[in-house]
C-alpha atoms as a PDB file:
ATOM      1  CA  MET A   1      21.567  21.205  -2.961  1.00  0.00           C
ATOM      2  CA  GLU A   2      22.049  22.857  -6.300  1.00  0.00           C
ATOM      3  CA  PRO A   3      19.066  23.787  -8.467  1.00  0.00           C
ATOM      4  CA  GLY A   4      18.025  21.059 -10.874  1.00  0.00           C
ATOM      5  CA  ALA A   5      19.741  18.293  -8.892  1.00  0.00           C
ATOM      6  CA  LEU A   6      16.539  16.249  -8.802  1.00  0.00           C
ATOM      7  CA  ASP A   7      15.519  16.833 -12.414  1.00  0.00           C
ATOM      8  CA  TRP A   8      16.452  13.260 -13.336  1.00  0.00           C
ATOM      9  CA  MET A   9      13.634  11.964 -11.118  1.00  0.00           C
ATOM     10  CA  ALA A  10      10.061  11.682 -12.359  1.00  0.00           C
ATOM     11  CA  TRP A  11       8.443  13.761  -9.625  1.00  0.00           C
ATOM     12  CA  THR A  12       5.010  14.201 -11.106  1.00  0.00           C
ATOM     13  CA  TRP A  13       1.776  14.803  -9.199  1.00  0.00           C
ATOM     14  CA  GLN A  14       1.133  11.057  -9.405  1.00  0.00           C
ATOM     15  CA  THR A  15       4.434  10.329  -7.677  1.00  0.00           C
ATOM     16  CA  ALA A  16       3.643  12.881  -4.978  1.00  0.00           C
ATOM     17  CA  ALA A  17       0.170  11.358  -4.535  1.00  0.00           C
ATOM     18  CA  PHE A  18       1.707   7.890  -4.178  1.00  0.00           C
ATOM     19  CA  PHE A  19       4.109   8.939  -1.440  1.00  0.00           C
ATOM     20  CA  GLY A  20       1.399  11.060   0.182  1.00  0.00           C
ATOM     21  CA  PHE A  21      -0.876   8.009   0.298  1.00  0.00           C
ATOM     22  CA  ILE A  22       1.842   5.900   1.930  1.00  0.00           C
ATOM     23  CA  ALA A  23       2.446   8.636   4.514  1.00  0.00           C
ATOM     24  CA  ALA A  24      -1.304   8.939   5.143  1.00  0.00           C
ATOM     25  CA  MET A  25      -1.588   5.167   5.657  1.00  0.00           C
ATOM     26  CA  LEU A  26       1.209   5.277   8.232  1.00  0.00           C
ATOM     27  CA  VAL A  27      -0.527   8.148  10.053  1.00  0.00           C
ATOM     28  CA  VAL A  28      -3.864   6.280  10.014  1.00  0.00           C
ATOM     29  CA  MET A  29      -2.224   3.115  11.339  1.00  0.00           C
ATOM     30  CA  THR A  30      -0.476   5.118  14.087  1.00  0.00           C
ATOM     31  CA  VAL A  31      -3.724   6.799  15.161  1.00  0.00           C
ATOM     32  CA  TRP A  32      -5.511   3.431  15.052  1.00  0.00           C
ATOM     33  CA  GLU A  33      -2.842   1.900  17.282  1.00  0.00           C
ATOM     34  CA  LEU A  34      -3.000   4.820  19.748  1.00  0.00           C
ATOM     35  CA  ARG A  35      -6.809   4.663  19.966  1.00  0.00           C
ATOM     36  CA  SER A  36      -7.008   0.873  20.094  1.00  0.00           C
ATOM     37  CA  PRO A  37      -3.680  -0.438  21.405  1.00  0.00           C
ATOM     38  CA  GLY A  38      -2.514  -3.930  20.876  1.00  0.00           C
ATOM     39  CA  GLY A  39      -3.870  -5.010  17.561  1.00  0.00           C
ATOM     40  CA  ASN A  40      -3.687  -8.585  18.763  1.00  0.00           C
ATOM     41  CA  PRO A  41      -2.268 -10.948  16.165  1.00  0.00           C
ATOM     42  CA  ARG A  42      -4.815 -13.194  14.530  1.00  0.00           C
ATOM     43  CA  ARG A  43      -4.478 -16.367  12.536  1.00  0.00           C
ATOM     44  CA  GLY A  44      -5.676 -15.889   8.982  1.00  0.00           C
ATOM     45  CA  VAL A  45      -6.233 -18.045   5.931  1.00  0.00           C
ATOM     46  CA  PHE A  46      -2.550 -18.879   5.573  1.00  0.00           C
ATOM     47  CA  GLY A  47      -2.294 -20.179   9.125  1.00  0.00           C
ATOM     48  CA  ILE A  48       0.190 -17.558  10.335  1.00  0.00           C
ATOM     49  CA  ASP A  49      -0.325 -14.872  12.956  1.00  0.00           C
ATOM     50  CA  THR A  50      -0.445 -11.358  11.509  1.00  0.00           C
ATOM     51  CA  THR A  51      -0.857  -7.930  13.084  1.00  0.00           C
ATOM     52  CA  ARG A  52      -2.314  -4.778  11.539  1.00  0.00           C
ATOM     53  CA  GLY A  53       1.136  -3.663  10.454  1.00  0.00           C
ATOM     54  CA  ASP A  54       1.845  -7.016   8.826  1.00  0.00           C
ATOM     55  CA  ARG A  55      -1.400  -6.810   6.881  1.00  0.00           C
ATOM     56  CA  LEU A  56      -0.630  -3.248   5.770  1.00  0.00           C
ATOM     57  CA  PHE A  57       2.816  -4.307   4.575  1.00  0.00           C
ATOM     58  CA  VAL A  58       1.434  -7.323   2.692  1.00  0.00           C
ATOM     59  CA  SER A  59      -1.290  -5.201   1.093  1.00  0.00           C
ATOM     60  CA  LEU A  60       1.283  -2.604  -0.056  1.00  0.00           C
ATOM     61  CA  LEU A  61       3.458  -5.358  -1.528  1.00  0.00           C
ATOM     62  CA  ALA A  62       0.420  -6.861  -3.251  1.00  0.00           C
ATOM     63  CA  ALA A  63      -0.470  -3.455  -4.708  1.00  0.00           C
ATOM     64  CA  ALA A  64       3.053  -3.061  -6.080  1.00  0.00           C
ATOM     65  CA  PHE A  65       2.947  -6.478  -7.747  1.00  0.00           C
ATOM     66  CA  ILE A  66      -0.568  -5.932  -9.097  1.00  0.00           C
ATOM     67  CA  HIS A  67       0.517  -2.646 -10.689  1.00  0.00           C
ATOM     68  CA  LEU A  68       3.687  -4.168 -12.164  1.00  0.00           C
ATOM     69  CA  LEU A  69       1.775  -7.128 -13.610  1.00  0.00           C
ATOM     70  CA  TRP A  70      -0.886  -4.772 -14.949  1.00  0.00           C
ATOM     71  CA  LEU A  71       1.776  -2.738 -16.734  1.00  0.00           C
ATOM     72  CA  ALA A  72       3.435  -5.884 -18.100  1.00  0.00           C
ATOM     73  CA  PHE A  73       0.308  -7.525 -19.468  1.00  0.00           C
ATOM     74  CA  ILE A  74      -2.253  -4.759 -20.037  1.00  0.00           C
ATOM     75  CA  GLY A  75      -0.476  -1.404 -20.005  1.00  0.00           C
ATOM     76  CA  MET A  76      -2.060   1.955 -19.415  1.00  0.00           C
ATOM     77  CA  PRO A  77      -4.264   3.246 -17.776  1.00  0.00           C
ATOM     78  CA  LEU A  78      -3.412   2.174 -14.254  1.00  0.00           C
ATOM     79  CA  TRP A  79      -6.574   3.223 -12.416  1.00  0.00           C
ATOM     80  CA  PRO A  80      -8.181  -0.250 -12.826  1.00  0.00           C
ATOM     81  CA  ALA A  81      -5.081  -1.769 -11.192  1.00  0.00           C
ATOM     82  CA  THR A  82      -5.528   0.674  -8.322  1.00  0.00           C
ATOM     83  CA  LEU A  83      -9.129  -0.472  -7.870  1.00  0.00           C
ATOM     84  CA  VAL A  84      -8.030  -4.120  -7.905  1.00  0.00           C
ATOM     85  CA  SER A  85      -5.335  -3.270  -5.347  1.00  0.00           C
ATOM     86  CA  ALA A  86      -7.883  -1.592  -3.071  1.00  0.00           C
ATOM     87  CA  VAL A  87     -10.143  -4.658  -3.195  1.00  0.00           C
ATOM     88  CA  VAL A  88      -7.172  -6.936  -2.484  1.00  0.00           C
ATOM     89  CA  ALA A  89      -6.156  -4.729   0.467  1.00  0.00           C
ATOM     90  CA  VAL A  90      -9.659  -4.970   1.945  1.00  0.00           C
ATOM     91  CA  LEU A  91      -9.569  -8.754   1.540  1.00  0.00           C
ATOM     92  CA  ILE A  92      -6.132  -8.945   3.156  1.00  0.00           C
ATOM     93  CA  PHE A  93      -7.221  -6.883   6.156  1.00  0.00           C
ATOM     94  CA  ARG A  94     -10.374  -8.967   6.486  1.00  0.00           C
ATOM     95  CA  TYR A  95      -9.110 -12.520   5.968  1.00  0.00           C
ATOM     96  CA  VAL A  96      -5.308 -12.685   6.330  1.00  0.00           C
END
């Protein structure tokens, strides 16, 4: 790859932290599954069976939508949206 080929991308420390967090979550979920296999599906508030992976995926989608809505209606800074996303993720893992 030639030098400067990725200059059009916004690879800031925040972007690296975002992808690092996603990678860390996948590692944590893998270790959790290896130490406690199965992760039996459970029926949550919506009446559907979900596994740990399903709940992680839903919480990541929720975080994306929360951040997009925050940007659309409130703007910067985004750290309050991150806190809201963390609370929503805890609620999803607990009740969904």
